Protein backbone atom coordinates (compact mmCIF):
# COMPACT_ATOMS: atom_id res chain seq x y z
CA MET A 1 34.51 -27.86 24.53
CA THR A 2 35.31 -26.42 21.20
CA THR A 3 38.72 -27.02 19.81
CA LEU A 4 40.94 -24.29 18.30
CA THR A 5 40.70 -24.21 14.62
CA HIS A 6 43.92 -22.51 13.80
CA PHE A 7 46.17 -25.49 15.19
CA ASN A 8 46.42 -28.90 13.65
CA GLN A 9 46.48 -32.25 15.42
CA SER A 10 50.07 -31.88 16.10
CA GLY A 11 49.52 -28.53 17.65
CA GLU A 12 50.87 -26.59 14.67
CA ALA A 13 49.52 -23.24 13.60
CA HIS A 14 47.68 -23.58 10.06
CA MET A 15 45.16 -21.74 7.85
CA VAL A 16 41.73 -23.25 8.28
CA ASP A 17 40.37 -25.02 5.14
CA VAL A 18 37.23 -23.19 4.42
CA GLY A 19 36.97 -24.88 0.87
CA GLN A 20 34.11 -27.21 1.67
CA LYS A 21 32.13 -24.31 3.62
CA ALA A 22 28.91 -22.92 2.13
CA THR A 23 29.14 -19.47 0.54
CA THR A 24 26.72 -17.16 2.50
CA GLN A 25 25.99 -13.60 3.33
CA ARG A 26 28.32 -12.88 6.39
CA THR A 27 28.06 -9.72 8.41
CA ALA A 28 30.05 -8.61 11.55
CA VAL A 29 29.41 -5.44 13.65
CA THR A 30 31.99 -4.26 16.08
CA SER A 31 32.32 -1.26 18.40
CA GLY A 32 34.72 0.44 20.67
CA TYR A 33 35.58 4.05 21.75
CA ILE A 34 38.23 6.45 22.42
CA GLU A 35 38.18 8.86 25.67
CA MET A 36 39.96 12.05 25.62
CA LEU A 37 40.21 15.60 27.18
CA PRO A 38 37.15 17.81 26.67
CA ASN A 39 39.09 20.27 24.70
CA THR A 40 40.53 17.42 22.45
CA LEU A 41 36.81 16.61 21.73
CA ALA A 42 35.95 20.13 21.05
CA LEU A 43 38.77 20.32 18.27
CA ILE A 44 37.37 17.15 16.65
CA GLN A 45 33.62 18.52 16.75
CA SER A 46 34.61 22.04 15.60
CA GLY A 47 36.48 20.62 12.49
CA GLU A 48 39.28 23.05 13.41
CA HIS A 49 41.96 20.67 13.89
CA LYS A 50 44.94 21.80 12.11
CA LYS A 51 45.45 18.20 10.43
CA GLY A 52 41.95 18.39 8.98
CA ASP A 53 38.42 16.48 9.48
CA VAL A 54 39.65 13.88 11.83
CA LEU A 55 36.55 11.72 11.62
CA SER A 56 36.68 11.63 7.94
CA ILE A 57 40.29 10.57 7.78
CA ALA A 58 39.74 7.97 10.60
CA ARG A 59 36.79 6.47 8.49
CA ILE A 60 39.03 6.26 5.46
CA ALA A 61 41.89 4.70 7.58
CA GLY A 62 39.38 2.04 9.01
CA ILE A 63 38.23 1.23 5.55
CA MET A 64 41.57 0.73 4.19
CA ALA A 65 42.58 -1.20 7.16
CA SER A 66 39.75 -3.79 6.93
CA LYS A 67 40.76 -4.48 3.29
CA LYS A 68 44.33 -5.24 4.57
CA THR A 69 43.31 -7.63 7.48
CA ALA A 70 44.73 -10.82 5.89
CA ASP A 71 48.02 -9.03 5.64
CA LEU A 72 48.26 -8.09 9.07
CA ILE A 73 46.74 -11.23 10.97
CA PRO A 74 48.61 -14.31 9.54
CA LEU A 75 45.99 -17.04 9.43
CA CYS A 76 43.13 -14.68 8.11
CA HIS A 77 41.86 -15.26 4.74
CA PRO A 78 41.68 -12.71 2.35
CA LEU A 79 37.96 -11.83 1.82
CA PRO A 80 36.00 -9.79 -0.76
CA ILE A 81 34.32 -7.15 1.27
CA THR A 82 31.07 -6.26 -0.31
CA HIS A 83 29.93 -3.55 2.25
CA LEU A 84 31.90 -1.61 4.89
CA GLU A 85 30.33 1.30 6.97
CA ILE A 86 32.07 2.96 9.77
CA THR A 87 29.93 5.42 12.05
CA PHE A 88 31.07 7.73 14.69
CA ASN A 89 28.86 9.06 17.50
CA ILE A 90 30.27 11.84 19.83
CA ASP A 91 29.46 11.50 23.63
CA SER A 92 30.23 14.96 24.89
CA GLU A 93 29.20 14.09 28.52
CA ASN A 94 32.00 11.38 28.91
CA ASN A 95 34.29 12.91 26.25
CA ARG A 96 34.30 10.11 23.96
CA VAL A 97 34.00 9.30 20.35
CA TYR A 98 32.17 5.83 19.55
CA CYS A 99 32.98 3.90 16.66
CA ARG A 100 30.69 1.37 15.29
CA THR A 101 31.73 -0.70 12.00
CA THR A 102 29.68 -3.00 9.97
CA VAL A 103 31.35 -5.31 7.51
CA LYS A 104 29.49 -7.71 4.87
CA THR A 105 30.81 -10.25 2.28
CA ASN A 106 29.50 -13.40 0.43
CA GLY A 107 31.86 -15.94 1.43
CA GLN A 108 32.85 -19.12 3.18
CA THR A 109 34.27 -17.66 6.33
CA GLY A 110 33.14 -14.49 8.61
CA VAL A 111 34.19 -10.91 8.58
CA GLU A 112 34.61 -10.52 12.20
CA MET A 113 38.40 -9.79 12.09
CA GLU A 114 37.79 -7.23 9.21
CA ALA A 115 35.46 -5.35 11.33
CA LEU A 116 37.58 -5.48 14.41
CA THR A 117 40.57 -4.30 12.55
CA ALA A 118 38.51 -1.39 10.91
CA THR A 119 37.29 -0.11 14.42
CA GLN A 120 40.62 -0.37 15.97
CA ILE A 121 42.51 1.36 13.15
CA ALA A 122 39.79 4.03 12.93
CA LEU A 123 40.26 4.75 16.54
CA LEU A 124 44.12 4.67 16.33
CA THR A 125 43.96 7.22 13.71
CA ILE A 126 41.89 9.57 15.93
CA TYR A 127 44.83 9.02 18.41
CA ASP A 128 47.40 9.70 15.92
CA MET A 129 45.67 12.86 14.72
CA CYS A 130 45.14 14.40 18.13
CA LYS A 131 48.21 12.94 20.22
CA ALA A 132 49.93 16.38 19.88
CA VAL A 133 47.23 17.93 22.22
CA ASP A 134 46.19 14.93 24.15
CA ARG A 135 48.61 11.96 24.83
CA GLY A 136 46.39 10.45 27.55
CA MET A 137 43.62 9.39 25.24
CA CYS A 138 42.49 5.98 25.81
CA ILE A 139 41.02 3.56 23.33
CA GLN A 140 38.65 0.93 25.03
CA SER A 141 36.10 -1.80 24.54
CA ILE A 142 36.93 -2.81 21.15
CA ARG A 143 34.63 -5.79 20.63
CA LEU A 144 32.20 -7.77 18.48
CA GLU A 145 28.73 -6.95 18.87
CA GLU A 146 27.14 -9.22 16.31
CA LYS A 147 27.92 -11.73 13.44
CA SER A 148 25.73 -13.53 11.17
CA GLY A 149 25.86 -16.16 8.38
CA GLY A 150 27.50 -19.31 7.76
CA LYS A 151 26.81 -22.62 9.90
CA SER A 152 26.52 -21.00 13.19
CA GLY A 153 24.15 -18.22 12.22
CA LEU A 154 23.32 -15.30 14.29
CA TRP A 155 25.36 -14.46 17.30
CA GLN A 156 24.69 -11.07 19.29
CA ARG A 157 26.57 -9.85 22.34
CA GLY A 158 24.29 -10.42 25.60
CA THR A 159 22.71 -13.51 24.43
CA SER A 160 23.44 -16.98 25.74
CA THR A 161 24.86 -18.43 22.51
């Protein structure tokens, strides 16, 4: 069984020493969605929400949040993000907005937390902008889809490793 790396032998929390790790291209892809009432989704799609273009603002919020991950999660290393892309897909049949985030860096540790943070904050921003018309929105399935780089290499959801 793998041990938890954020605890030392005495059981105290500590930041993992990545100083001896190789610098490699690291990528993480995450996803999640927000479900809402049909009229809320229609407001987002039409661009007629009184607060502005909901998805553009959510995208910027996700990008900004990703860059602040080390300030939010105590044991995360600050990383230089070399690429970040957030895409939204509308699912009118299920009244959902799907968010997919890809984050890249050249570094000694992965960018999973940065990608997860970006996805979550982008979806929270949609909630914030639309809560006046739909307080029952539900954010779901925030998850890592894929990561690559480093010693462990490629991991993809649905594979055995």
